[in-house]
Amino acid sequence: MNGQPISAAFAGRRSRRAIRGLGALATGTMLLVLTACGGGDDKGASGSVGAGSGGDTAASQAVVAIAPKDGADAVATNGALKVTAEKGKLTTVTVADSEGHEVEGKMSADGASWEPTGHLSASTKYKVHAIAKDSAGLESAKDTSFTTLVPQNTFIGQYTPENGQTVGVGMPVSIRFSRGITDPEAVERGIKVTAEPAVDIEGHWFGNDRLDFRPEDYWAAGTKVTVQLNLDGVEGRPGVYGKQKKTFSFTIGRRQVSTVDASAKTMKIERDGAVIKTIPISAGAPSTTTYNGQMVISEKFKITRMNGATVGFGGEYDIKDVPHAMRLSNSGTFIHGNYWGSPSIFGTTNTSHGCVGLRDARGAGDSSMPAAWFFDHSLIGDVVVVKNSRDKQIQPDNGLNGWNMSWSEWKA
């Protein structure tokens, strides 16, 4: 034993055995810990939580089911998502995209199911968290994720007015879609138009590619209008999905409504309930009369070219520098300055090809001219009413002129 006392050698062997025993114990403990931390499968994480605080580990009888299945891709944006519970009631359902934006949904009265109240966005990953509780108060939870389809064909809506713009009281919200819509209800559900102060606002379709919104009467001065386009994922026609999600707003300015009397050859400008100016005009000649009706200024041009060939008048006129022109219809009706006619025609003779002419100077440089004054005091969205012309009433879809429909017709 190399001179080592027997007792010391025995003690050393006993210490080494003890150390080995401790190591084995530690290893066994680690295995137990690792086993306790495992879990999960490819069907989404789920589990039960005891109701009591004293260590009750009884499993909940509630079973949560989520469609689509965990990890699914190319999921439809409408009608595919549903959460249900068996042998219990849902208490919590949260669906959110990767940026934390939650999907609004509705729980059934009996707590057995939950569905989104709108469509989902395309090309988006969503996470679902749901909890149900059984009759004993024990909870069961489930977490899944899925990704919606990537559209091969899309559409957008080009809208007016622009964000932040101040417009006249006749300005509708007008949206023209890049593809013809065959499911107008789905598209309309994806658009929300609100006003402050609040007023009832309704949409009306003109054909399958244009949707306008307006209140029953002109907007009140000072109203703020907000438009939410939630079209991303809306299937507007089979296989064609919207791709817009944005919000814009505009403000209604002072109330200005101008009335053109084609017979009297005058225009009265009314601002906030008072007539502030009367201007002599020259409307459409007997063979080319001006439309009657309520028309909304949709564009303003300090100088523009007007060519009769573009509106069905052949080569009758081509004026390259028409001053102070404001569009009233898509078919070519304008209220504009006229420098080529004799000053004597204004207030006495109707000579135009259907437009409303005001006396002006060539080059639009004389601010004292009636046309310049009206141009400077008008907003896009202001209303110009034409009456006593020997023509028909303008069609509501010819420009932003839906005010020529009754409220019942508009809502129908």
Protein backbone atom coordinates (compact mmCIF):
# COMPACT_ATOMS: atom_id res chain seq x y z
CA MET A 1 0.00 0.00 0.00
CA ASN A 2 3.11 2.17 -0.40
CA GLY A 3 3.16 2.95 3.25
CA GLN A 4 -0.35 4.54 3.20
CA PRO A 5 -2.46 3.70 6.26
CA ILE A 6 -5.24 1.22 5.58
CA SER A 7 -7.87 3.57 7.02
CA ALA A 8 -6.82 6.41 4.71
CA ALA A 9 -6.91 4.22 1.61
CA PHE A 10 -10.38 2.95 2.50
CA ALA A 11 -11.58 6.49 3.05
CA GLY A 12 -10.26 7.54 -0.35
CA ARG A 13 -12.05 4.69 -2.11
CA ARG A 14 -15.26 5.56 -0.23
CA SER A 15 -14.98 9.23 -1.29
CA ARG A 16 -14.49 8.33 -4.95
CA ARG A 17 -17.55 6.04 -4.84
CA ALA A 18 -19.55 8.84 -3.27
CA ILE A 19 -18.51 11.26 -5.97
CA ARG A 20 -19.44 8.76 -8.69
CA GLY A 21 -22.80 8.27 -6.95
CA LEU A 22 -23.45 12.01 -6.88
CA GLY A 23 -22.59 12.24 -10.58
CA ALA A 24 -25.04 9.49 -11.38
CA LEU A 25 -27.70 11.24 -9.33
CA ALA A 26 -27.06 14.55 -11.09
CA THR A 27 -27.29 12.87 -14.49
CA GLY A 28 -30.59 11.26 -13.56
CA THR A 29 -31.95 14.60 -12.37
CA MET A 30 -30.95 16.26 -15.65
CA LEU A 31 -32.72 13.54 -17.62
CA LEU A 32 -35.83 14.13 -15.57
CA VAL A 33 -35.66 17.88 -16.24
CA LEU A 34 -35.15 17.42 -19.96
CA THR A 35 -38.04 14.99 -20.15
CA ALA A 36 -40.30 17.46 -18.37
CA CYS A 37 -39.44 20.28 -20.84
CA GLY A 38 -40.26 18.38 -24.05
CA GLY A 39 -43.54 18.49 -26.06
CA GLY A 40 -45.32 19.79 -29.17
CA ASP A 41 -46.33 18.35 -32.54
CA ASP A 42 -47.06 19.47 -36.09
CA LYS A 43 -50.76 20.03 -35.31
CA GLY A 44 -50.25 23.16 -33.22
CA ALA A 45 -49.42 23.53 -29.57
CA SER A 46 -52.23 22.71 -27.15
CA GLY A 47 -52.62 21.99 -23.49
CA SER A 48 -54.86 21.95 -20.43
CA VAL A 49 -54.59 24.06 -17.29
CA GLY A 50 -56.06 23.01 -13.92
CA ALA A 51 -58.59 25.36 -12.40
CA GLY A 52 -57.39 25.06 -8.81
CA SER A 53 -54.29 26.65 -7.27
CA GLY A 54 -53.48 23.65 -5.13
CA GLY A 55 -51.85 21.55 -7.83
CA ASP A 56 -55.01 20.23 -9.55
CA THR A 57 -53.74 18.71 -12.81
CA ALA A 58 -57.00 17.29 -14.13
CA ALA A 59 -57.28 17.64 -17.90
CA SER A 60 -59.92 19.93 -19.39
CA GLN A 61 -62.67 18.18 -21.33
CA ALA A 62 -62.89 21.15 -23.74
CA VAL A 63 -61.40 20.54 -27.19
CA VAL A 64 -60.38 23.49 -29.37
CA ALA A 65 -60.33 23.02 -33.16
CA ILE A 66 -58.91 25.58 -35.61
CA ALA A 67 -59.37 25.63 -39.37
CA PRO A 68 -57.26 25.84 -41.44
CA LYS A 69 -54.79 23.34 -40.03
CA ASP A 70 -51.53 24.46 -38.47
CA GLY A 71 -48.89 25.38 -41.05
CA ALA A 72 -51.33 25.59 -43.96
CA ASP A 73 -50.49 27.91 -46.83
CA ALA A 74 -52.37 29.31 -49.84
CA VAL A 75 -55.36 29.71 -47.53
CA ALA A 76 -58.41 31.52 -48.94
CA THR A 77 -58.89 35.06 -47.64
CA ASN A 78 -62.60 34.56 -47.04
CA GLY A 79 -64.51 31.66 -45.48
CA ALA A 80 -61.56 29.46 -44.47
CA LEU A 81 -60.87 30.61 -40.89
CA LYS A 82 -63.03 29.20 -38.11
CA VAL A 83 -62.42 28.31 -34.46
CA THR A 84 -64.69 25.87 -32.61
CA ALA A 85 -64.92 24.22 -29.20
CA GLU A 86 -66.40 20.87 -28.21
CA LYS A 87 -67.38 19.98 -24.63
CA GLY A 88 -66.77 23.56 -23.62
CA LYS A 89 -67.07 27.22 -24.58
CA LEU A 90 -64.53 29.52 -26.20
CA THR A 91 -63.38 32.28 -23.88
CA THR A 92 -60.56 33.83 -25.92
CA VAL A 93 -59.78 33.92 -29.63
CA THR A 94 -56.99 36.12 -30.99
CA VAL A 95 -55.92 36.18 -34.63
CA ALA A 96 -53.11 38.56 -35.62
CA ASP A 97 -50.66 39.07 -38.46
CA SER A 98 -46.89 39.30 -38.06
CA GLU A 99 -47.12 43.02 -37.26
CA GLY A 100 -49.63 42.48 -34.47
CA HIS A 101 -52.70 43.74 -36.33
CA GLU A 102 -55.64 41.78 -34.97
CA VAL A 103 -58.49 40.38 -37.03
CA GLU A 104 -61.95 41.37 -35.86
CA GLY A 105 -64.28 38.47 -35.26
CA LYS A 106 -67.57 37.39 -33.75
CA MET A 107 -68.26 34.71 -31.16
CA SER A 108 -71.44 32.66 -31.44
CA ALA A 109 -74.01 33.12 -28.69
CA ASP A 110 -73.31 29.69 -27.25
CA GLY A 111 -69.53 30.16 -27.31
CA ALA A 112 -69.10 27.14 -29.54
CA SER A 113 -67.55 28.96 -32.52
CA TRP A 114 -65.75 32.11 -33.66
CA GLU A 115 -65.40 33.52 -37.18
CA PRO A 116 -63.84 36.69 -38.60
CA THR A 117 -66.30 39.46 -39.46
CA GLY A 118 -64.36 40.43 -42.58
CA HIS A 119 -61.83 39.08 -45.04
CA LEU A 120 -58.16 38.35 -44.42
CA SER A 121 -55.27 40.02 -46.23
CA ALA A 122 -53.50 38.13 -48.99
CA SER A 123 -49.88 36.90 -48.74
CA THR A 124 -50.02 37.21 -44.95
CA LYS A 125 -49.03 34.90 -42.09
CA TYR A 126 -51.51 34.77 -39.21
CA LYS A 127 -51.17 33.33 -35.72
CA VAL A 128 -54.23 31.99 -33.90
CA HIS A 129 -54.53 31.67 -30.11
CA ALA A 130 -57.70 30.16 -28.68
CA ILE A 131 -58.82 29.12 -25.18
CA ALA A 132 -61.91 27.13 -24.21
CA LYS A 133 -63.29 26.26 -20.78
CA ASP A 134 -65.23 23.13 -19.85
CA SER A 135 -68.14 22.84 -17.40
CA ALA A 136 -65.73 22.32 -14.48
CA GLY A 137 -63.91 25.56 -15.27
CA LEU A 138 -60.81 23.83 -16.64
CA GLU A 139 -59.20 25.55 -19.64
CA SER A 140 -57.77 24.14 -22.84
CA ALA A 141 -55.65 26.25 -25.20
CA LYS A 142 -54.42 25.87 -28.76
CA ASP A 143 -52.01 27.89 -30.94
CA THR A 144 -51.62 27.57 -34.70
CA SER A 145 -50.44 29.59 -37.69
CA PHE A 146 -51.21 29.69 -41.40
CA THR A 147 -50.45 31.80 -44.49
CA THR A 148 -52.98 33.16 -46.97
CA LEU A 149 -52.77 32.81 -50.73
CA VAL A 150 -50.55 34.86 -53.04
CA PRO A 151 -52.83 36.35 -55.76
CA GLN A 152 -51.87 35.93 -59.39
CA ASN A 153 -54.26 38.69 -60.51
CA THR A 154 -55.06 41.88 -58.63
CA PHE A 155 -57.07 45.09 -58.86
CA ILE A 156 -56.78 48.56 -57.34
CA GLY A 157 -59.16 51.47 -56.90
CA GLN A 158 -58.18 54.92 -58.16
CA TYR A 159 -59.95 57.45 -55.99
CA THR A 160 -60.84 61.11 -55.75
CA PRO A 161 -60.52 63.47 -53.89
CA GLU A 162 -56.91 63.32 -52.75
CA ASN A 163 -55.72 62.86 -49.20
CA GLY A 164 -55.64 66.14 -47.27
CA GLN A 165 -57.54 68.09 -49.94
CA THR A 166 -60.12 70.77 -49.15
CA VAL A 167 -63.08 70.45 -51.52
CA GLY A 168 -66.54 71.83 -52.14
CA VAL A 169 -69.79 70.59 -50.63
CA GLY A 170 -70.74 68.55 -53.72
CA MET A 171 -67.64 66.36 -53.79
CA PRO A 172 -68.43 62.63 -53.65
CA VAL A 173 -65.93 59.90 -52.87
CA SER A 174 -65.45 58.31 -56.29
CA ILE A 175 -63.47 55.10 -56.78
CA ARG A 176 -62.76 53.63 -60.21
CA PHE A 177 -61.46 50.06 -60.25
CA SER A 178 -58.81 48.76 -62.61
CA ARG A 179 -60.80 45.57 -63.25
CA GLY A 180 -64.53 45.05 -63.65
CA ILE A 181 -66.06 43.89 -60.37
CA THR A 182 -68.44 40.91 -60.31
CA ASP A 183 -68.85 40.75 -56.50
CA PRO A 184 -69.76 44.36 -55.66
CA GLU A 185 -71.02 43.45 -52.19
CA ALA A 186 -67.62 42.04 -51.18
CA VAL A 187 -65.82 45.12 -52.47
CA GLU A 188 -68.23 47.52 -50.80
CA ARG A 189 -67.82 45.69 -47.48
CA GLY A 190 -64.10 46.42 -47.75
CA ILE A 191 -64.66 50.20 -47.91
CA LYS A 192 -65.74 52.38 -45.00
CA VAL A 193 -66.60 56.08 -45.38
CA THR A 194 -67.30 58.14 -42.25
CA ALA A 195 -67.86 61.83 -41.57
CA GLU A 196 -67.39 64.18 -38.64
CA PRO A 197 -69.97 65.45 -37.80
CA ALA A 198 -71.64 62.12 -38.54
CA VAL A 199 -74.07 61.76 -41.42
CA ASP A 200 -75.58 58.78 -43.27
CA ILE A 201 -73.37 57.93 -46.26
CA GLU A 202 -74.30 55.42 -48.97
CA GLY A 203 -72.49 53.93 -51.95
CA HIS A 204 -73.80 53.60 -55.50
CA TRP A 205 -72.33 51.58 -58.38
CA PHE A 206 -72.10 53.01 -61.88
CA GLY A 207 -71.47 49.95 -64.03
CA ASN A 208 -69.05 47.36 -62.68
CA ASP A 209 -65.96 49.52 -62.27
CA ARG A 210 -67.04 52.68 -60.43
CA LEU A 211 -68.35 53.15 -56.89
CA ASP A 212 -69.31 56.59 -55.51
CA PHE A 213 -70.27 57.55 -51.95
CA ARG A 214 -72.32 60.59 -50.87
CA PRO A 215 -74.77 61.74 -48.18
CA GLU A 216 -78.41 62.55 -48.92
CA ASP A 217 -77.73 66.27 -49.24
CA TYR A 218 -74.55 68.24 -49.90
CA TRP A 219 -71.92 67.93 -47.19
CA ALA A 220 -72.03 70.49 -44.41
CA ALA A 221 -69.22 73.06 -44.54
CA GLY A 222 -66.30 72.05 -42.34
CA THR A 223 -67.05 68.30 -42.41
CA LYS A 224 -64.07 65.95 -42.24
CA VAL A 225 -64.51 62.79 -44.32
CA THR A 226 -62.39 59.67 -43.77
CA VAL A 227 -62.16 56.76 -46.21
CA GLN A 228 -60.74 53.36 -45.24
CA LEU A 229 -59.83 51.12 -48.16
CA ASN A 230 -59.44 47.59 -46.80
CA LEU A 231 -59.33 45.84 -50.17
CA ASP A 232 -56.23 43.68 -49.67
CA GLY A 233 -57.50 40.12 -50.07
CA VAL A 234 -61.00 41.00 -51.33
CA GLU A 235 -61.96 38.76 -54.25
CA GLY A 236 -63.61 41.29 -56.54
CA ARG A 237 -64.05 38.80 -59.37
CA PRO A 238 -63.10 35.10 -59.57
CA GLY A 239 -59.35 34.81 -59.00
CA VAL A 240 -58.81 38.60 -58.89
CA TYR A 241 -57.98 40.15 -55.51
CA GLY A 242 -57.64 43.68 -54.22
CA LYS A 243 -54.23 44.79 -52.97
CA GLN A 244 -54.92 48.12 -51.23
CA LYS A 245 -55.03 48.82 -47.54
CA LYS A 246 -54.91 52.52 -46.78
CA THR A 247 -56.80 55.38 -45.17
CA PHE A 248 -57.21 58.91 -46.50
CA SER A 249 -59.27 61.92 -45.51
CA PHE A 250 -60.39 65.27 -46.88
CA THR A 251 -62.16 68.37 -45.58
CA ILE A 252 -65.23 70.16 -46.87
CA GLY A 253 -64.65 73.89 -47.29
CA ARG A 254 -67.17 76.72 -47.32
CA ARG A 255 -70.52 76.10 -49.03
CA GLN A 256 -70.60 77.52 -52.56
CA VAL A 257 -73.35 76.71 -55.05
CA SER A 258 -73.56 78.64 -58.31
CA THR A 259 -76.73 78.68 -60.41
CA VAL A 260 -76.59 79.23 -64.18
CA ASP A 261 -79.86 80.39 -65.74
CA ALA A 262 -79.41 79.57 -69.43
CA SER A 263 -82.49 81.55 -70.36
CA ALA A 264 -81.58 84.68 -68.38
CA LYS A 265 -77.89 84.17 -69.32
CA THR A 266 -76.66 84.88 -65.81
CA MET A 267 -74.89 82.97 -63.04
CA LYS A 268 -75.51 83.72 -59.36
CA ILE A 269 -72.81 82.62 -56.92
CA GLU A 270 -74.14 81.77 -53.47
CA ARG A 271 -71.65 81.50 -50.62
CA ASP A 272 -72.78 80.18 -47.22
CA GLY A 273 -76.39 81.14 -47.92
CA ALA A 274 -75.84 84.60 -49.43
CA VAL A 275 -75.53 85.63 -53.09
CA ILE A 276 -72.10 87.23 -53.35
CA LYS A 277 -71.92 87.88 -57.11
CA THR A 278 -73.93 87.71 -60.33
CA ILE A 279 -71.98 87.18 -63.58
CA PRO A 280 -73.27 87.44 -67.16
CA ILE A 281 -72.68 84.24 -69.13
CA SER A 282 -73.05 82.70 -72.57
CA ALA A 283 -74.36 79.13 -72.53
CA GLY A 284 -74.92 76.60 -75.32
CA ALA A 285 -76.30 77.82 -78.63
CA PRO A 286 -79.78 76.61 -79.71
CA SER A 287 -78.25 73.75 -81.73
CA THR A 288 -75.67 72.77 -79.06
CA THR A 289 -77.45 73.42 -75.77
CA THR A 290 -76.01 73.00 -72.27
CA TYR A 291 -77.14 70.13 -70.03
CA ASN A 292 -79.47 70.97 -67.16
CA GLY A 293 -78.79 69.66 -63.68
CA GLN A 294 -76.42 69.71 -60.72
CA MET A 295 -72.79 69.46 -61.80
CA VAL A 296 -69.66 69.24 -59.70
CA ILE A 297 -66.34 70.84 -60.62
CA SER A 298 -63.96 67.89 -61.02
CA GLU A 299 -60.87 69.55 -62.54
CA LYS A 300 -59.40 73.03 -62.86
CA PHE A 301 -57.02 74.26 -65.60
CA LYS A 302 -55.69 77.79 -65.75
CA ILE A 303 -55.12 77.24 -69.51
CA THR A 304 -56.08 74.19 -71.55
CA ARG A 305 -56.71 73.10 -75.13
CA MET A 306 -60.23 72.33 -76.35
CA ASN A 307 -60.63 70.40 -79.58
CA GLY A 308 -64.11 69.71 -80.92
CA ALA A 309 -62.94 66.44 -82.45
CA THR A 310 -62.50 64.91 -78.98
CA VAL A 311 -66.18 65.42 -78.08
CA GLY A 312 -67.90 64.66 -81.37
CA PHE A 313 -67.86 68.10 -83.02
CA GLY A 314 -65.35 67.26 -85.76
CA GLY A 315 -63.17 70.18 -86.74
CA GLU A 316 -65.61 72.90 -85.70
CA TYR A 317 -63.15 74.35 -83.21
CA ASP A 318 -59.65 73.80 -81.83
CA ILE A 319 -58.68 76.44 -79.26
CA LYS A 320 -55.24 75.83 -77.81
CA ASP A 321 -55.37 78.31 -74.92
CA VAL A 322 -58.80 78.30 -73.29
CA PRO A 323 -58.37 80.22 -70.00
CA HIS A 324 -59.75 79.41 -66.54
CA ALA A 325 -61.41 76.12 -67.50
CA MET A 326 -63.23 73.94 -64.95
CA ARG A 327 -64.64 70.55 -65.92
CA LEU A 328 -68.32 69.78 -65.21
CA SER A 329 -68.74 66.48 -67.11
CA ASN A 330 -66.75 63.66 -68.66
CA SER A 331 -68.31 64.41 -72.03
CA GLY A 332 -66.70 67.83 -72.33
CA THR A 333 -68.93 70.28 -70.47
CA PHE A 334 -66.83 73.06 -68.91
CA ILE A 335 -67.37 76.43 -67.35
CA HIS A 336 -64.51 78.52 -68.74
CA GLY A 337 -63.20 81.86 -69.86
CA ASN A 338 -63.93 83.14 -73.37
CA TYR A 339 -61.68 85.80 -74.94
CA TRP A 340 -62.62 85.21 -78.60
CA GLY A 341 -66.30 86.19 -78.36
CA SER A 342 -67.48 89.77 -78.44
CA PRO A 343 -67.99 91.24 -74.94
CA SER A 344 -71.57 91.97 -75.96
CA ILE A 345 -72.60 88.28 -76.05
CA PHE A 346 -72.24 87.75 -72.29
CA GLY A 347 -75.64 88.18 -70.71
CA THR A 348 -77.38 88.45 -74.08
CA THR A 349 -76.63 85.52 -76.42
CA ASN A 350 -75.93 81.81 -76.01
CA THR A 351 -73.17 80.89 -78.45
CA SER A 352 -71.17 77.93 -77.10
CA HIS A 353 -71.04 74.26 -78.04
CA GLY A 354 -72.55 73.31 -74.66
CA CYS A 355 -70.14 74.91 -72.22
CA VAL A 356 -70.81 77.90 -69.96
CA GLY A 357 -68.64 80.83 -71.07
CA LEU A 358 -67.53 83.81 -68.98
CA ARG A 359 -65.79 86.92 -70.28
CA ASP A 360 -61.99 86.62 -70.06
CA ALA A 361 -58.66 87.84 -71.42
CA ARG A 362 -56.31 85.76 -73.55
CA GLY A 363 -53.51 84.23 -71.49
CA ALA A 364 -55.54 84.17 -68.25
CA GLY A 365 -53.53 87.10 -66.95
CA ASP A 366 -56.23 89.66 -66.16
CA SER A 367 -57.59 89.03 -62.66
CA SER A 368 -60.34 91.62 -63.15
CA MET A 369 -62.14 89.43 -65.72
CA PRO A 370 -65.28 87.57 -64.51
CA ALA A 371 -63.82 84.18 -65.51
CA ALA A 372 -60.65 84.84 -63.50
CA TRP A 373 -62.64 85.88 -60.45
CA PHE A 374 -64.82 82.75 -60.58
CA PHE A 375 -61.81 80.48 -61.11
CA ASP A 376 -59.98 81.99 -58.14
CA HIS A 377 -63.05 81.66 -55.89
CA SER A 378 -63.94 78.07 -56.81
CA LEU A 379 -62.87 74.71 -55.39
CA ILE A 380 -62.92 71.28 -56.91
CA GLY A 381 -66.16 69.86 -55.53
CA ASP A 382 -68.13 73.11 -55.81
CA VAL A 383 -71.57 72.75 -57.37
CA VAL A 384 -72.73 74.49 -60.54
CA VAL A 385 -76.47 74.11 -61.20
CA VAL A 386 -77.74 74.74 -64.74
CA LYS A 387 -81.44 75.42 -65.26
CA ASN A 388 -83.78 76.66 -68.01
CA SER A 389 -81.70 75.19 -70.82
CA ARG A 390 -83.47 73.50 -73.73
CA ASP A 391 -81.56 70.29 -73.09
CA LYS A 392 -82.06 67.18 -70.99
CA GLN A 393 -80.74 66.65 -67.49
CA ILE A 394 -77.18 65.40 -67.31
CA GLN A 395 -76.71 61.71 -66.53
CA PRO A 396 -75.53 61.03 -62.95
CA ASP A 397 -72.44 59.10 -64.10
CA ASN A 398 -71.35 61.80 -66.57
CA GLY A 399 -68.81 63.38 -64.24
CA LEU A 400 -69.20 63.50 -60.47
CA ASN A 401 -72.87 64.25 -60.84
CA GLY A 402 -74.70 61.68 -58.75
CA TRP A 403 -76.68 64.50 -57.12
CA ASN A 404 -79.05 64.23 -60.08
CA MET A 405 -80.42 61.01 -58.54
CA SER A 406 -82.93 61.02 -55.70
CA TRP A 407 -81.77 59.53 -52.39
CA SER A 408 -84.03 56.50 -52.86
CA GLU A 409 -82.61 55.89 -56.34
CA TRP A 410 -79.08 56.30 -55.03
CA LYS A 411 -79.57 53.71 -52.30
CA ALA A 412 -81.44 51.22 -54.48
